[in-house]
């Protein structure tokens, strides 16, 4: 019998993203999407540092509208990943600015 290797760090990260999405999705009836209420719950819990630092009370509403590319009032997993990817890019860009002496290719 072939030995099953344990998941890689990247595989664990993907599993975590799926688990977090599923943790918030479905409370309002649709298991595969985040409603506005579920999105706000996700943001206020999982990204609390981001939301607490926002001075504009409408920022989360605008984010939801921008992320909801098919305008159905829900965020599916693909739309959710756009949020995660955008945040990851912003963090990465911030990291690159903090380490200007590093060689970039």
C-alpha atoms as a PDB file:
ATOM      1  CA  UNK A   1       0.000   0.000   0.000  1.00  0.00           C
ATOM      2  CA  UNK A   2       1.357   3.430  -0.929  1.00  0.00           C
ATOM      3  CA  UNK A   3       2.120   5.804   1.884  1.00  0.00           C
ATOM      4  CA  UNK A   4      -0.196   8.805   1.939  1.00  0.00           C
ATOM      5  CA  UNK A   5       1.822  11.922   2.533  1.00  0.00           C
ATOM      6  CA  UNK A   6       0.562  14.598   4.845  1.00  0.00           C
ATOM      7  CA  UNK A   7      -0.752  17.782   3.232  1.00  0.00           C
ATOM      8  CA  UNK A   8       1.731  20.457   2.270  1.00  0.00           C
ATOM      9  CA  UNK A   9       1.591  23.902   3.825  1.00  0.00           C
ATOM     10  CA  UNK A  10      -0.138  25.247   0.721  1.00  0.00           C
ATOM     11  CA  UNK A  11      -2.706  22.437   0.768  1.00  0.00           C
ATOM     12  CA  UNK A  12      -3.425  23.182   4.436  1.00  0.00           C
ATOM     13  CA  UNK A  13      -3.889  26.873   3.607  1.00  0.00           C
ATOM     14  CA  UNK A  14      -6.390  26.002   0.876  1.00  0.00           C
ATOM     15  CA  UNK A  15      -8.239  23.684   3.249  1.00  0.00           C
ATOM     16  CA  UNK A  16      -8.346  26.496   5.822  1.00  0.00           C
ATOM     17  CA  UNK A  17      -9.803  28.965   3.330  1.00  0.00           C
ATOM     18  CA  UNK A  18     -12.522  26.487   2.393  1.00  0.00           C
ATOM     19  CA  UNK A  19     -13.268  25.765   6.057  1.00  0.00           C
ATOM     20  CA  UNK A  20     -13.511  29.458   6.946  1.00  0.00           C
ATOM     21  CA  UNK A  21     -15.819  30.138   4.005  1.00  0.00           C
ATOM     22  CA  UNK A  22     -18.049  27.213   4.987  1.00  0.00           C
ATOM     23  CA  UNK A  23     -18.064  28.345   8.620  1.00  0.00           C
ATOM     24  CA  UNK A  24     -19.842  31.582   7.632  1.00  0.00           C
ATOM     25  CA  UNK A  25     -21.789  30.478   4.539  1.00  0.00           C
ATOM     26  CA  UNK A  26     -25.235  28.985   4.903  1.00  0.00           C
ATOM     27  CA  UNK A  27     -26.449  30.593   8.088  1.00  0.00           C
ATOM     28  CA  UNK A  28     -28.951  32.597   6.025  1.00  0.00           C
ATOM     29  CA  UNK A  29     -30.099  29.623   3.974  1.00  0.00           C
ATOM     30  CA  UNK A  30     -27.691  29.176   1.043  1.00  0.00           C
ATOM     31  CA  UNK A  31     -24.823  26.830   1.918  1.00  0.00           C
ATOM     32  CA  UNK A  32     -22.611  27.874  -0.981  1.00  0.00           C
ATOM     33  CA  UNK A  33     -22.670  31.657  -0.640  1.00  0.00           C
ATOM     34  CA  UNK A  34     -22.173  34.426   1.882  1.00  0.00           C
ATOM     35  CA  UNK A  35     -25.091  36.795   2.353  1.00  0.00           C
ATOM     36  CA  UNK A  36     -24.394  40.395   3.309  1.00  0.00           C
ATOM     37  CA  UNK A  37     -24.980  39.501   6.982  1.00  0.00           C
ATOM     38  CA  UNK A  38     -22.625  36.510   6.728  1.00  0.00           C
ATOM     39  CA  UNK A  39     -20.014  38.633   4.938  1.00  0.00           C
ATOM     40  CA  UNK A  40     -20.173  41.266   7.692  1.00  0.00           C
ATOM     41  CA  UNK A  41     -19.870  38.548  10.331  1.00  0.00           C
ATOM     42  CA  UNK A  42     -16.832  37.119   8.526  1.00  0.00           C
ATOM     43  CA  UNK A  43     -15.184  40.531   8.194  1.00  0.00           C
ATOM     44  CA  UNK A  44     -15.864  41.561  11.799  1.00  0.00           C
ATOM     45  CA  UNK A  45     -14.579  38.260  13.177  1.00  0.00           C
ATOM     46  CA  UNK A  46     -11.854  37.025  10.849  1.00  0.00           C
ATOM     47  CA  UNK A  47     -10.545  40.415   9.702  1.00  0.00           C
ATOM     48  CA  UNK A  48     -11.380  42.439  12.806  1.00  0.00           C
ATOM     49  CA  UNK A  49      -8.171  44.494  12.707  1.00  0.00           C
ATOM     50  CA  UNK A  50      -9.061  45.645   9.191  1.00  0.00           C
ATOM     51  CA  UNK A  51     -12.674  46.524   9.981  1.00  0.00           C
ATOM     52  CA  UNK A  52     -11.907  48.260  13.280  1.00  0.00           C
ATOM     53  CA  UNK A  53      -9.410  50.560  11.555  1.00  0.00           C
ATOM     54  CA  UNK A  54     -11.933  51.735   8.953  1.00  0.00           C
ATOM     55  CA  UNK A  55     -13.182  55.259   9.512  1.00  0.00           C
ATOM     56  CA  UNK A  56     -15.797  55.048   6.741  1.00  0.00           C
ATOM     57  CA  UNK A  57     -18.862  53.096   7.920  1.00  0.00           C
ATOM     58  CA  UNK A  58     -19.857  52.283   4.316  1.00  0.00           C
ATOM     59  CA  UNK A  59     -16.605  50.603   3.331  1.00  0.00           C
ATOM     60  CA  UNK A  60     -17.842  47.037   3.950  1.00  0.00           C
ATOM     61  CA  UNK A  61     -21.024  47.645   1.950  1.00  0.00           C
ATOM     62  CA  UNK A  62     -18.961  48.939  -0.976  1.00  0.00           C
ATOM     63  CA  UNK A  63     -16.557  45.998  -0.697  1.00  0.00           C
ATOM     64  CA  UNK A  64     -19.466  43.554  -0.824  1.00  0.00           C
ATOM     65  CA  UNK A  65     -20.885  45.281  -3.918  1.00  0.00           C
ATOM     66  CA  UNK A  66     -17.511  45.253  -5.701  1.00  0.00           C
ATOM     67  CA  UNK A  67     -16.854  41.624  -4.837  1.00  0.00           C
ATOM     68  CA  UNK A  68     -20.352  40.523  -5.923  1.00  0.00           C
ATOM     69  CA  UNK A  69     -19.435  40.372  -9.614  1.00  0.00           C
ATOM     70  CA  UNK A  70     -22.691  38.701 -10.699  1.00  0.00           C
ATOM     71  CA  UNK A  71     -24.799  41.151  -8.625  1.00  0.00           C
ATOM     72  CA  UNK A  72     -26.880  38.460  -6.922  1.00  0.00           C
ATOM     73  CA  UNK A  73     -26.460  39.924  -3.432  1.00  0.00           C
ATOM     74  CA  UNK A  74     -24.337  36.944  -2.338  1.00  0.00           C
ATOM     75  CA  UNK A  75     -20.644  36.086  -2.461  1.00  0.00           C
ATOM     76  CA  UNK A  76     -19.840  32.676  -3.868  1.00  0.00           C
ATOM     77  CA  UNK A  77     -16.496  31.022  -3.175  1.00  0.00           C
ATOM     78  CA  UNK A  78     -14.898  32.501  -6.289  1.00  0.00           C
ATOM     79  CA  UNK A  79     -15.953  36.018  -5.287  1.00  0.00           C
ATOM     80  CA  UNK A  80     -14.722  35.337  -1.740  1.00  0.00           C
ATOM     81  CA  UNK A  81     -11.329  34.318  -3.154  1.00  0.00           C
ATOM     82  CA  UNK A  82     -11.136  37.690  -4.932  1.00  0.00           C
ATOM     83  CA  UNK A  83     -11.277  39.314  -1.479  1.00  0.00           C
ATOM     84  CA  UNK A  84      -8.631  36.983  -0.062  1.00  0.00           C
ATOM     85  CA  UNK A  85      -6.398  37.444  -3.094  1.00  0.00           C
ATOM     86  CA  UNK A  86      -6.721  41.234  -2.946  1.00  0.00           C
ATOM     87  CA  UNK A  87      -5.852  41.281   0.736  1.00  0.00           C
ATOM     88  CA  UNK A  88      -2.910  38.952   0.173  1.00  0.00           C
ATOM     89  CA  UNK A  89      -1.632  41.222  -2.622  1.00  0.00           C
ATOM     90  CA  UNK A  90      -1.940  44.299  -0.396  1.00  0.00           C
ATOM     91  CA  UNK A  91      -0.033  42.546   2.395  1.00  0.00           C
ATOM     92  CA  UNK A  92       2.637  41.378  -0.037  1.00  0.00           C
ATOM     93  CA  UNK A  93       3.010  44.882  -1.513  1.00  0.00           C
ATOM     94  CA  UNK A  94       3.338  46.294   1.993  1.00  0.00           C
ATOM     95  CA  UNK A  95       6.018  43.725   2.760  1.00  0.00           C
ATOM     96  CA  UNK A  96       7.943  44.640  -0.395  1.00  0.00           C
ATOM     97  CA  UNK A  97       7.856  48.342   0.505  1.00  0.00           C
ATOM     98  CA  UNK A  98       9.139  47.569   3.997  1.00  0.00           C
ATOM     99  CA  UNK A  99      12.163  45.701   2.585  1.00  0.00           C
ATOM    100  CA  UNK A 100      13.374  47.984  -0.232  1.00  0.00           C
ATOM    101  CA  UNK A 101      16.935  46.641  -0.271  1.00  0.00           C
ATOM    102  CA  UNK A 102      15.800  43.191  -1.373  1.00  0.00           C
ATOM    103  CA  UNK A 103      16.444  42.401  -5.010  1.00  0.00           C
ATOM    104  CA  UNK A 104      13.233  42.093  -7.056  1.00  0.00           C
ATOM    105  CA  UNK A 105      13.019  40.101 -10.230  1.00  0.00           C
END
